[in-house]
Amino acid sequence: MADDYGRKWDRCLADTAVKTVTGLAVGIMFSVLFFKRRTWPVSFGSGLGLGMGYTNCQHDFRSPYLIHGRVVKDQ
């Protein structure tokens, strides 16, 4: 049980870090190319990535008994 939580935390932190850094990079790119070096695209992109990572973690921890598979019909 504790090993499962540890695995979920590791996956959540890695996913959130990747999404935040990607959002930051896209925000920097848009800021430099399209918005005359303003700061709001950078903060918007990193906030968007952080929010997506948080939502994925919330979903992982709220559905611990979700079983993926296919439905087998009774005959």
C-alpha atoms as a PDB file:
ATOM      1  CA  MET A   1       0.000   0.000   0.000  1.00  0.00           C
ATOM      2  CA  ALA A   2       2.767   2.443   0.924  1.00  0.00           C
ATOM      3  CA  ASP A   3       4.734   1.402  -2.150  1.00  0.00           C
ATOM      4  CA  ASP A   4       1.694   2.206  -4.296  1.00  0.00           C
ATOM      5  CA  TYR A   5       1.415   5.704  -2.794  1.00  0.00           C
ATOM      6  CA  GLY A   6       5.113   6.282  -3.309  1.00  0.00           C
ATOM      7  CA  ARG A   7       4.806   5.264  -6.941  1.00  0.00           C
ATOM      8  CA  LYS A   8       1.835   7.603  -7.396  1.00  0.00           C
ATOM      9  CA  TRP A   9       3.688  10.512  -5.778  1.00  0.00           C
ATOM     10  CA  ASP A  10       6.736   9.935  -7.974  1.00  0.00           C
ATOM     11  CA  ARG A  11       4.589   9.810 -11.102  1.00  0.00           C
ATOM     12  CA  CYS A  12       2.671  12.931 -10.038  1.00  0.00           C
ATOM     13  CA  LEU A  13       5.769  14.980  -9.288  1.00  0.00           C
ATOM     14  CA  ALA A  14       7.472  13.962 -12.517  1.00  0.00           C
ATOM     15  CA  ASP A  15       4.338  14.644 -14.571  1.00  0.00           C
ATOM     16  CA  THR A  16       3.783  18.035 -12.923  1.00  0.00           C
ATOM     17  CA  ALA A  17       7.425  19.028 -13.425  1.00  0.00           C
ATOM     18  CA  VAL A  18       7.375  18.071 -17.111  1.00  0.00           C
ATOM     19  CA  LYS A  19       4.108  19.903 -17.770  1.00  0.00           C
ATOM     20  CA  THR A  20       5.226  23.022 -15.877  1.00  0.00           C
ATOM     21  CA  VAL A  21       8.570  23.218 -17.691  1.00  0.00           C
ATOM     22  CA  THR A  22       6.876  22.622 -21.047  1.00  0.00           C
ATOM     23  CA  GLY A  23       4.339  25.361 -20.323  1.00  0.00           C
ATOM     24  CA  LEU A  24       7.159  27.672 -19.278  1.00  0.00           C
ATOM     25  CA  ALA A  25       9.067  26.969 -22.496  1.00  0.00           C
ATOM     26  CA  VAL A  26       6.002  27.527 -24.671  1.00  0.00           C
ATOM     27  CA  GLY A  27       5.264  30.738 -22.755  1.00  0.00           C
ATOM     28  CA  ILE A  28       8.799  32.008 -23.308  1.00  0.00           C
ATOM     29  CA  MET A  29       8.584  31.158 -26.992  1.00  0.00           C
ATOM     30  CA  PHE A  30       5.264  32.970 -27.419  1.00  0.00           C
ATOM     31  CA  SER A  31       6.524  35.908 -25.372  1.00  0.00           C
ATOM     32  CA  VAL A  32       9.607  36.357 -27.530  1.00  0.00           C
ATOM     33  CA  LEU A  33       7.980  35.689 -30.901  1.00  0.00           C
ATOM     34  CA  PHE A  34       4.519  37.224 -30.636  1.00  0.00           C
ATOM     35  CA  PHE A  35       4.039  39.428 -27.557  1.00  0.00           C
ATOM     36  CA  LYS A  36       7.073  41.739 -27.547  1.00  0.00           C
ATOM     37  CA  ARG A  37       8.744  40.131 -24.520  1.00  0.00           C
ATOM     38  CA  ARG A  38       5.853  40.574 -22.104  1.00  0.00           C
ATOM     39  CA  THR A  39       5.772  38.436 -18.968  1.00  0.00           C
ATOM     40  CA  TRP A  40       2.161  37.288 -18.944  1.00  0.00           C
ATOM     41  CA  PRO A  41       2.568  34.479 -21.539  1.00  0.00           C
ATOM     42  CA  VAL A  42       5.350  32.968 -19.422  1.00  0.00           C
ATOM     43  CA  SER A  43       3.299  32.968 -16.229  1.00  0.00           C
ATOM     44  CA  PHE A  44       0.185  31.812 -18.092  1.00  0.00           C
ATOM     45  CA  GLY A  45       2.041  28.873 -19.686  1.00  0.00           C
ATOM     46  CA  SER A  46       3.664  27.722 -16.468  1.00  0.00           C
ATOM     47  CA  GLY A  47       0.397  28.110 -14.565  1.00  0.00           C
ATOM     48  CA  LEU A  48      -1.399  26.081 -17.196  1.00  0.00           C
ATOM     49  CA  GLY A  49       1.182  23.295 -16.946  1.00  0.00           C
ATOM     50  CA  LEU A  50       1.049  23.332 -13.155  1.00  0.00           C
ATOM     51  CA  GLY A  51      -2.736  23.144 -13.210  1.00  0.00           C
ATOM     52  CA  MET A  52      -2.750  20.218 -15.632  1.00  0.00           C
ATOM     53  CA  GLY A  53      -0.244  18.330 -13.489  1.00  0.00           C
ATOM     54  CA  TYR A  54      -2.268  19.020 -10.335  1.00  0.00           C
ATOM     55  CA  THR A  55      -5.464  17.805 -11.992  1.00  0.00           C
ATOM     56  CA  ASN A  56      -3.793  14.578 -13.127  1.00  0.00           C
ATOM     57  CA  CYS A  57      -2.478  13.957  -9.610  1.00  0.00           C
ATOM     58  CA  GLN A  58      -5.876  14.647  -8.118  1.00  0.00           C
ATOM     59  CA  HIS A  59      -7.439  12.137 -10.484  1.00  0.00           C
ATOM     60  CA  ASP A  60      -4.818   9.488  -9.655  1.00  0.00           C
ATOM     61  CA  PHE A  61      -5.343   9.807  -5.911  1.00  0.00           C
ATOM     62  CA  ARG A  62      -9.145   9.994  -6.011  1.00  0.00           C
ATOM     63  CA  SER A  63      -9.654   6.852  -8.050  1.00  0.00           C
ATOM     64  CA  PRO A  64      -7.411   4.284  -6.347  1.00  0.00           C
ATOM     65  CA  TYR A  65      -9.528   1.257  -7.205  1.00  0.00           C
ATOM     66  CA  LEU A  66     -10.091   1.942 -10.879  1.00  0.00           C
ATOM     67  CA  ILE A  67      -9.556  -1.234 -12.852  1.00  0.00           C
ATOM     68  CA  HIS A  68      -8.798  -0.943 -16.540  1.00  0.00           C
ATOM     69  CA  GLY A  69     -10.059  -3.771 -18.641  1.00  0.00           C
ATOM     70  CA  ARG A  70     -12.893  -4.919 -20.782  1.00  0.00           C
ATOM     71  CA  VAL A  71     -16.338  -6.039 -19.798  1.00  0.00           C
ATOM     72  CA  VAL A  72     -17.012  -9.747 -20.155  1.00  0.00           C
ATOM     73  CA  LYS A  73     -20.653 -10.633 -20.771  1.00  0.00           C
ATOM     74  CA  ASP A  74     -22.306 -13.472 -18.882  1.00  0.00           C
ATOM     75  CA  GLN A  75     -23.656 -16.252 -21.060  1.00  0.00           C
END
